[in-house]
């Protein structure tokens, strides 16, 4: 089974959260990652920053998590920013999937 780690950090503004995901996200751990992300996000947030810099592998189940998360946050009127530097595996995948149409991509 592959491993992914989800870390939550609340700094500064009370309606903002930064979530860092590290490792690999695939079918074997996607439900665990989805659950951890959803538990980290309160309904009263205005901004969510999702740092994928340390994600070394992201398959279609991981992309599904990102798109459903973006949809949920859009319904809550919460801004989503994806942090993934150019050249990283996660950045290449989210760009190819057209994720920049539903969230802000940051280096």
N, C-alpha and C. Protein backbone atom coordinates (compact mmCIF):
# COMPACT_ATOMS: atom_id res chain seq x y z
N UNK A 1 0.85 -1.19 0.00
CA UNK A 1 0.00 0.00 0.00
C UNK A 1 0.88 1.24 0.00
N UNK A 2 0.52 2.19 -0.82
CA UNK A 2 1.27 3.44 -0.87
C UNK A 2 0.86 4.31 0.31
N UNK A 3 1.69 5.30 0.59
CA UNK A 3 1.42 6.17 1.73
C UNK A 3 1.36 7.63 1.30
N UNK A 4 0.44 8.33 1.94
CA UNK A 4 0.33 9.77 1.78
C UNK A 4 0.10 10.35 3.17
N UNK A 5 0.65 11.51 3.39
CA UNK A 5 0.50 12.18 4.67
C UNK A 5 -0.19 13.52 4.44
N UNK A 6 -1.19 13.79 5.27
CA UNK A 6 -1.94 15.04 5.18
C UNK A 6 -1.69 15.81 6.47
N UNK A 7 -1.22 17.05 6.33
CA UNK A 7 -0.91 17.88 7.49
C UNK A 7 -1.67 19.20 7.38
N UNK A 8 -2.31 19.58 8.46
CA UNK A 8 -3.11 20.79 8.52
C UNK A 8 -2.37 21.86 9.30
N UNK A 9 -2.40 23.09 8.77
CA UNK A 9 -1.78 24.22 9.48
C UNK A 9 -2.68 25.44 9.36
N UNK A 10 -3.04 25.97 10.52
CA UNK A 10 -3.83 27.21 10.57
C UNK A 10 -2.92 28.31 11.10
N UNK A 11 -2.60 29.24 10.24
CA UNK A 11 -1.77 30.38 10.62
C UNK A 11 -2.48 31.66 10.22
N UNK A 12 -2.31 32.66 11.02
CA UNK A 12 -2.83 33.97 10.65
C UNK A 12 -4.33 34.05 10.70
N UNK A 13 -4.94 34.21 9.56
CA UNK A 13 -6.38 34.45 9.49
C UNK A 13 -7.18 33.22 9.92
N UNK A 14 -8.22 33.44 10.72
CA UNK A 14 -9.00 32.31 11.24
C UNK A 14 -9.82 31.59 10.18
N UNK A 15 -10.10 32.22 9.07
CA UNK A 15 -10.92 31.59 8.04
C UNK A 15 -10.08 31.06 6.89
N UNK A 16 -8.83 30.75 7.19
CA UNK A 16 -7.90 30.26 6.18
C UNK A 16 -7.17 29.04 6.72
N UNK A 17 -6.91 28.08 5.86
CA UNK A 17 -6.19 26.89 6.26
C UNK A 17 -5.22 26.48 5.16
N UNK A 18 -4.07 25.95 5.58
CA UNK A 18 -3.10 25.40 4.63
C UNK A 18 -2.97 23.92 4.91
N UNK A 19 -3.16 23.13 3.86
CA UNK A 19 -3.07 21.68 3.97
C UNK A 19 -1.93 21.21 3.09
N UNK A 20 -1.03 20.43 3.66
CA UNK A 20 0.09 19.88 2.91
C UNK A 20 -0.11 18.39 2.76
N UNK A 21 0.04 17.91 1.53
CA UNK A 21 -0.06 16.48 1.25
C UNK A 21 1.30 16.04 0.72
N UNK A 22 1.79 14.92 1.24
CA UNK A 22 3.07 14.39 0.80
C UNK A 22 2.92 12.90 0.52
N UNK A 23 3.73 12.40 -0.39
CA UNK A 23 3.72 10.97 -0.71
C UNK A 23 3.05 10.69 -2.03
N UNK A 24 2.40 9.53 -2.09
CA UNK A 24 1.74 9.08 -3.31
C UNK A 24 0.25 8.94 -3.06
N UNK A 25 -0.55 9.38 -4.02
CA UNK A 25 -2.00 9.23 -3.92
C UNK A 25 -2.46 8.35 -5.08
N UNK A 26 -2.99 7.19 -4.73
CA UNK A 26 -3.52 6.29 -5.74
C UNK A 26 -4.75 5.58 -5.18
N UNK A 27 -5.26 4.62 -5.92
CA UNK A 27 -6.49 3.95 -5.54
C UNK A 27 -6.41 3.31 -4.15
N UNK A 28 -5.23 2.85 -3.77
CA UNK A 28 -5.11 2.15 -2.49
C UNK A 28 -5.25 3.05 -1.27
N UNK A 29 -5.01 4.34 -1.41
CA UNK A 29 -5.11 5.23 -0.25
C UNK A 29 -5.98 6.47 -0.52
N UNK A 30 -6.64 6.51 -1.65
CA UNK A 30 -7.42 7.70 -2.02
C UNK A 30 -8.52 8.00 -1.01
N UNK A 31 -9.21 6.99 -0.54
CA UNK A 31 -10.30 7.22 0.42
C UNK A 31 -9.78 7.80 1.72
N UNK A 32 -8.64 7.33 2.18
CA UNK A 32 -8.03 7.86 3.40
C UNK A 32 -7.64 9.32 3.21
N UNK A 33 -7.03 9.66 2.08
CA UNK A 33 -6.63 11.04 1.79
C UNK A 33 -7.87 11.93 1.69
N UNK A 34 -8.89 11.48 0.98
CA UNK A 34 -10.13 12.24 0.85
C UNK A 34 -10.74 12.52 2.22
N UNK A 35 -10.80 11.51 3.04
CA UNK A 35 -11.37 11.66 4.38
C UNK A 35 -10.59 12.68 5.22
N UNK A 36 -9.28 12.60 5.19
CA UNK A 36 -8.45 13.53 5.94
C UNK A 36 -8.61 14.97 5.43
N UNK A 37 -8.68 15.14 4.12
CA UNK A 37 -8.88 16.48 3.56
C UNK A 37 -10.23 17.05 3.97
N UNK A 38 -11.28 16.27 3.84
CA UNK A 38 -12.61 16.75 4.17
C UNK A 38 -12.74 17.08 5.65
N UNK A 39 -12.08 16.30 6.52
CA UNK A 39 -12.12 16.58 7.96
C UNK A 39 -11.35 17.86 8.30
N UNK A 40 -10.40 18.22 7.49
CA UNK A 40 -9.58 19.40 7.75
C UNK A 40 -10.26 20.69 7.33
N UNK A 41 -11.31 20.57 6.53
CA UNK A 41 -11.95 21.76 5.96
C UNK A 41 -13.30 22.03 6.61
N UNK A 42 -13.35 23.11 7.37
CA UNK A 42 -14.60 23.53 8.00
C UNK A 42 -15.45 24.29 6.98
N UNK A 43 -16.74 24.31 7.20
CA UNK A 43 -17.66 24.97 6.27
C UNK A 43 -17.57 26.49 6.29
N UNK A 44 -16.90 27.07 7.28
CA UNK A 44 -16.84 28.53 7.38
C UNK A 44 -15.55 29.13 6.83
N UNK A 45 -14.72 28.32 6.18
CA UNK A 45 -13.46 28.82 5.64
C UNK A 45 -13.69 29.69 4.41
N UNK A 46 -12.83 30.67 4.24
CA UNK A 46 -12.86 31.53 3.06
C UNK A 46 -11.77 31.16 2.06
N UNK A 47 -10.69 30.54 2.57
CA UNK A 47 -9.55 30.22 1.71
C UNK A 47 -8.91 28.90 2.15
N UNK A 48 -8.65 28.05 1.18
CA UNK A 48 -7.94 26.79 1.41
C UNK A 48 -6.75 26.75 0.46
N UNK A 49 -5.58 26.53 1.03
CA UNK A 49 -4.37 26.35 0.24
C UNK A 49 -3.95 24.89 0.37
N UNK A 50 -3.85 24.21 -0.76
CA UNK A 50 -3.50 22.79 -0.78
C UNK A 50 -2.12 22.65 -1.42
N UNK A 51 -1.14 22.33 -0.59
CA UNK A 51 0.25 22.23 -1.04
C UNK A 51 0.55 20.80 -1.48
N UNK A 52 0.78 20.62 -2.77
CA UNK A 52 1.08 19.31 -3.35
C UNK A 52 2.55 19.18 -3.74
N UNK A 53 3.39 20.08 -3.24
CA UNK A 53 4.80 20.10 -3.61
C UNK A 53 5.47 18.74 -3.40
N UNK A 54 5.13 18.06 -2.31
CA UNK A 54 5.79 16.80 -1.96
C UNK A 54 5.02 15.57 -2.39
N UNK A 55 4.04 15.75 -3.26
CA UNK A 55 3.32 14.60 -3.82
C UNK A 55 4.15 14.06 -4.98
N UNK A 56 4.59 12.81 -4.86
CA UNK A 56 5.45 12.24 -5.89
C UNK A 56 4.68 11.46 -6.95
N UNK A 57 3.42 11.12 -6.65
CA UNK A 57 2.61 10.37 -7.62
C UNK A 57 1.15 10.69 -7.36
N UNK A 58 0.40 10.90 -8.44
CA UNK A 58 -1.01 11.24 -8.35
C UNK A 58 -1.72 10.57 -9.53
N UNK A 59 -2.57 9.58 -9.24
CA UNK A 59 -3.27 8.92 -10.33
C UNK A 59 -4.68 9.49 -10.48
N UNK A 60 -5.51 8.86 -11.28
CA UNK A 60 -6.85 9.39 -11.55
C UNK A 60 -7.72 9.45 -10.30
N UNK A 61 -7.51 8.55 -9.36
CA UNK A 61 -8.30 8.61 -8.12
C UNK A 61 -7.90 9.84 -7.30
N UNK A 62 -6.64 10.22 -7.35
CA UNK A 62 -6.19 11.45 -6.70
C UNK A 62 -6.76 12.68 -7.37
N UNK A 63 -6.80 12.67 -8.70
CA UNK A 63 -7.40 13.78 -9.43
C UNK A 63 -8.89 13.89 -9.12
N UNK A 64 -9.55 12.76 -8.99
CA UNK A 64 -10.96 12.76 -8.63
C UNK A 64 -11.17 13.45 -7.28
N UNK A 65 -10.31 13.18 -6.33
CA UNK A 65 -10.38 13.84 -5.02
C UNK A 65 -10.26 15.35 -5.20
N UNK A 66 -9.30 15.78 -6.00
CA UNK A 66 -9.09 17.22 -6.19
C UNK A 66 -10.30 17.89 -6.84
N UNK A 67 -10.87 17.25 -7.86
CA UNK A 67 -12.02 17.85 -8.53
C UNK A 67 -13.26 17.87 -7.64
N UNK A 68 -13.49 16.82 -6.86
CA UNK A 68 -14.65 16.83 -5.97
C UNK A 68 -14.44 17.82 -4.82
N UNK A 69 -13.21 17.95 -4.37
CA UNK A 69 -12.90 18.95 -3.34
C UNK A 69 -13.14 20.36 -3.87
N UNK A 70 -12.67 20.61 -5.08
CA UNK A 70 -12.88 21.93 -5.70
C UNK A 70 -14.36 22.22 -5.86
N UNK A 71 -15.14 21.23 -6.24
CA UNK A 71 -16.58 21.41 -6.39
C UNK A 71 -17.22 21.73 -5.04
N UNK A 72 -16.84 21.01 -4.01
CA UNK A 72 -17.38 21.26 -2.67
C UNK A 72 -17.05 22.68 -2.21
N UNK A 73 -15.80 23.07 -2.39
CA UNK A 73 -15.38 24.40 -1.95
C UNK A 73 -16.06 25.50 -2.76
N UNK A 74 -16.29 25.26 -4.03
CA UNK A 74 -16.99 26.24 -4.85
C UNK A 74 -18.41 26.45 -4.34
N UNK A 75 -19.09 25.36 -3.96
CA UNK A 75 -20.44 25.48 -3.41
C UNK A 75 -20.44 26.23 -2.08
N UNK A 76 -19.35 26.11 -1.31
CA UNK A 76 -19.22 26.82 -0.05
C UNK A 76 -18.69 28.24 -0.23
N UNK A 77 -18.40 28.62 -1.47
CA UNK A 77 -17.83 29.93 -1.80
C UNK A 77 -16.48 30.13 -1.11
N UNK A 78 -15.68 29.07 -1.14
CA UNK A 78 -14.35 29.07 -0.54
C UNK A 78 -13.31 29.01 -1.66
N UNK A 79 -12.35 29.91 -1.61
CA UNK A 79 -11.29 29.95 -2.62
C UNK A 79 -10.33 28.79 -2.40
N UNK A 80 -9.93 28.14 -3.48
CA UNK A 80 -8.97 27.05 -3.43
C UNK A 80 -7.74 27.42 -4.24
N UNK A 81 -6.59 27.31 -3.61
CA UNK A 81 -5.31 27.51 -4.30
C UNK A 81 -4.51 26.22 -4.19
N UNK A 82 -3.98 25.77 -5.31
CA UNK A 82 -3.13 24.59 -5.34
C UNK A 82 -1.69 25.07 -5.46
N UNK A 83 -0.85 24.63 -4.53
CA UNK A 83 0.57 24.96 -4.57
C UNK A 83 1.31 23.74 -5.11
N UNK A 84 1.90 23.92 -6.27
CA UNK A 84 2.68 22.85 -6.91
C UNK A 84 3.67 23.52 -7.85
N UNK A 85 4.94 23.55 -7.47
CA UNK A 85 5.94 24.22 -8.30
C UNK A 85 6.04 23.60 -9.70
N UNK A 86 6.34 24.42 -10.70
CA UNK A 86 6.54 23.90 -12.06
C UNK A 86 7.58 22.78 -12.06
N UNK A 87 7.29 21.74 -12.83
CA UNK A 87 8.22 20.63 -12.95
C UNK A 87 7.97 19.50 -11.97
N UNK A 88 7.14 19.72 -10.95
CA UNK A 88 6.85 18.65 -10.01
C UNK A 88 5.81 17.71 -10.62
N UNK A 89 5.81 16.44 -10.19
CA UNK A 89 4.83 15.49 -10.74
C UNK A 89 3.38 15.96 -10.58
N UNK A 90 3.05 16.50 -9.41
CA UNK A 90 1.67 16.95 -9.18
C UNK A 90 1.30 18.10 -10.11
N UNK A 91 2.23 19.02 -10.33
CA UNK A 91 1.94 20.17 -11.21
C UNK A 91 1.65 19.70 -12.63
N UNK A 92 2.45 18.78 -13.12
CA UNK A 92 2.24 18.29 -14.48
C UNK A 92 0.86 17.64 -14.63
N UNK A 93 0.47 16.86 -13.63
CA UNK A 93 -0.82 16.16 -13.70
C UNK A 93 -1.99 17.14 -13.62
N UNK A 94 -1.94 18.08 -12.67
CA UNK A 94 -3.07 19.01 -12.53
C UNK A 94 -3.18 19.94 -13.74
N UNK A 95 -2.06 20.29 -14.34
CA UNK A 95 -2.11 21.10 -15.57
C UNK A 95 -2.71 20.31 -16.73
N UNK A 96 -2.27 19.07 -16.90
CA UNK A 96 -2.81 18.23 -17.98
C UNK A 96 -4.30 17.98 -17.81
N UNK A 97 -4.74 17.90 -16.57
CA UNK A 97 -6.16 17.64 -16.31
C UNK A 97 -7.01 18.90 -16.42
N UNK A 98 -6.38 20.06 -16.60
CA UNK A 98 -7.12 21.30 -16.72
C UNK A 98 -7.63 21.83 -15.39
N UNK A 99 -6.95 21.46 -14.32
CA UNK A 99 -7.40 21.85 -12.99
C UNK A 99 -7.34 23.36 -12.77
N UNK A 100 -6.56 24.06 -13.56
CA UNK A 100 -6.48 25.52 -13.42
C UNK A 100 -7.80 26.20 -13.76
N UNK A 101 -8.74 25.47 -14.35
CA UNK A 101 -10.06 26.04 -14.64
C UNK A 101 -10.93 26.09 -13.38
N UNK A 102 -10.60 25.33 -12.35
CA UNK A 102 -11.43 25.30 -11.14
C UNK A 102 -10.70 25.79 -9.89
N UNK A 103 -9.41 26.02 -9.99
CA UNK A 103 -8.64 26.50 -8.84
C UNK A 103 -7.46 27.32 -9.32
N UNK A 104 -6.90 28.10 -8.40
CA UNK A 104 -5.71 28.87 -8.70
C UNK A 104 -4.50 27.97 -8.52
N UNK A 105 -3.60 27.96 -9.51
CA UNK A 105 -2.36 27.19 -9.40
C UNK A 105 -1.24 28.15 -9.02
N UNK A 106 -0.51 27.80 -7.98
CA UNK A 106 0.60 28.64 -7.53
C UNK A 106 1.90 27.83 -7.54
N UNK A 107 3.01 28.52 -7.84
CA UNK A 107 4.30 27.81 -7.81
C UNK A 107 4.77 27.51 -6.40
